[in-house]
Amino acid sequence: SIAINPETNHDLGVDDYLNVSVYPNPATENVSLTVGGVHVLTLVYIYDVNGKIIWQDSMEHTHDRIEVELSAKLFAPGVYTVYASNSYETSSEKLVVIR
């Protein structure tokens, strides 16, 4: 499910640039992905260490941030890369899933 945080900030700040954050990290039960700076169509992927896409979604919103809650149980224990990309920027963050 996607929960949209409708904060808008017109000052130049962190949410003006595409950025990804993951919490908690490492994750055991649930993981919250926050993608900031989503002003145009943005693709979000989670890759495993072998480069296989485990999860993907596309986002487009006029607010500064989009938050996605995922069950960490969808992922085997290990290290993943959360990668966001749009026409202008890319951002990535490591995600560790433990049991």
Protein backbone atom coordinates (compact mmCIF):
# COMPACT_ATOMS: atom_id res chain seq x y z
CA SER A 1 0.00 0.00 0.00
CA ILE A 2 1.13 3.53 -0.67
CA ALA A 3 0.53 6.27 1.88
CA ILE A 4 1.06 9.75 0.52
CA ASN A 5 2.53 12.37 2.78
CA PRO A 6 1.06 15.62 1.46
CA GLU A 7 3.78 17.94 2.75
CA THR A 8 4.83 20.62 0.32
CA ASN A 9 7.95 22.67 0.70
CA HIS A 10 8.82 25.44 -1.70
CA ASP A 11 12.21 26.18 -0.15
CA LEU A 12 15.12 24.36 -1.72
CA GLY A 13 15.61 21.37 0.55
CA VAL A 14 16.24 17.66 0.63
CA ASP A 15 12.83 16.88 -0.85
CA ASP A 16 13.60 18.92 -3.96
CA TYR A 17 16.06 16.20 -4.98
CA LEU A 18 15.25 12.57 -5.58
CA ASN A 19 16.20 10.62 -2.46
CA VAL A 20 15.45 7.25 -0.91
CA SER A 21 15.38 6.33 2.76
CA VAL A 22 14.66 2.99 4.40
CA TYR A 23 13.43 2.43 7.96
CA PRO A 24 14.03 0.36 9.99
CA ASN A 25 17.29 -0.86 8.57
CA PRO A 26 17.95 -3.69 9.17
CA ALA A 27 14.32 -4.78 8.80
CA THR A 28 12.71 -7.82 10.36
CA GLU A 29 8.92 -7.41 10.04
CA ASN A 30 8.01 -4.35 7.98
CA VAL A 31 10.02 -1.81 6.09
CA SER A 32 9.06 1.76 5.20
CA LEU A 33 10.49 3.21 1.99
CA THR A 34 10.33 6.96 1.67
CA VAL A 35 11.03 8.45 -1.74
CA GLY A 36 11.46 12.21 -1.71
CA GLY A 37 11.64 14.62 -4.60
CA VAL A 38 8.99 12.79 -6.63
CA HIS A 39 7.90 15.55 -8.99
CA VAL A 40 7.88 13.51 -12.22
CA LEU A 41 7.33 9.86 -13.05
CA THR A 42 9.77 7.94 -10.85
CA LEU A 43 10.54 4.22 -11.03
CA VAL A 44 11.44 2.45 -7.79
CA TYR A 45 13.09 -0.97 -7.74
CA ILE A 46 14.42 -3.29 -5.07
CA TYR A 47 17.27 -5.49 -6.34
CA ASP A 48 18.91 -8.46 -4.67
CA VAL A 49 22.70 -8.94 -4.63
CA ASN A 50 22.49 -10.78 -7.97
CA GLY A 51 20.77 -7.84 -9.68
CA LYS A 52 17.36 -9.53 -9.84
CA ILE A 53 14.38 -7.20 -9.42
CA ILE A 54 12.48 -8.33 -6.32
CA TRP A 55 9.93 -5.48 -6.20
CA GLN A 56 9.08 -2.51 -8.41
CA ASP A 57 6.62 0.32 -8.64
CA SER A 58 6.17 3.59 -10.47
CA MET A 59 5.26 6.81 -8.70
CA GLU A 60 4.23 10.24 -9.78
CA HIS A 61 3.02 12.86 -7.40
CA THR A 62 3.19 16.59 -6.92
CA HIS A 63 3.99 16.35 -3.21
CA ASP A 64 7.48 16.07 -1.84
CA ARG A 65 7.39 12.51 -0.53
CA ILE A 66 5.77 9.16 -1.12
CA GLU A 67 5.92 6.49 1.56
CA VAL A 68 5.53 2.77 0.88
CA GLU A 69 5.07 0.14 3.59
CA LEU A 70 6.24 -3.35 2.67
CA SER A 71 6.36 -6.58 4.60
CA ALA A 72 9.99 -7.61 5.07
CA LYS A 73 8.70 -11.17 4.99
CA LEU A 74 8.46 -10.81 1.20
CA PHE A 75 12.25 -10.88 1.12
CA ALA A 76 14.70 -13.60 2.06
CA PRO A 77 17.27 -12.50 4.64
CA GLY A 78 20.03 -10.60 2.87
CA VAL A 79 21.19 -7.29 1.42
CA TYR A 80 19.14 -5.42 -1.17
CA THR A 81 19.43 -2.14 -3.06
CA VAL A 82 16.48 0.23 -3.20
CA TYR A 83 16.91 2.26 -6.39
CA ALA A 84 14.80 5.21 -7.59
CA SER A 85 15.18 6.82 -10.98
CA ASN A 86 13.44 9.44 -13.07
CA SER A 87 14.32 11.46 -16.17
CA TYR A 88 16.67 13.69 -14.20
CA GLU A 89 18.12 11.87 -11.20
CA THR A 90 18.82 8.57 -9.50
CA SER A 91 19.12 7.65 -5.83
CA SER A 92 19.76 4.42 -4.00
CA GLU A 93 19.93 3.02 -0.48
CA LYS A 94 20.93 -0.35 0.93
CA LEU A 95 18.31 -2.45 2.71
CA VAL A 96 19.23 -5.32 5.03
CA VAL A 97 16.59 -7.93 5.90
CA ILE A 98 17.23 -10.18 8.91
CA ARG A 99 15.13 -12.71 10.81
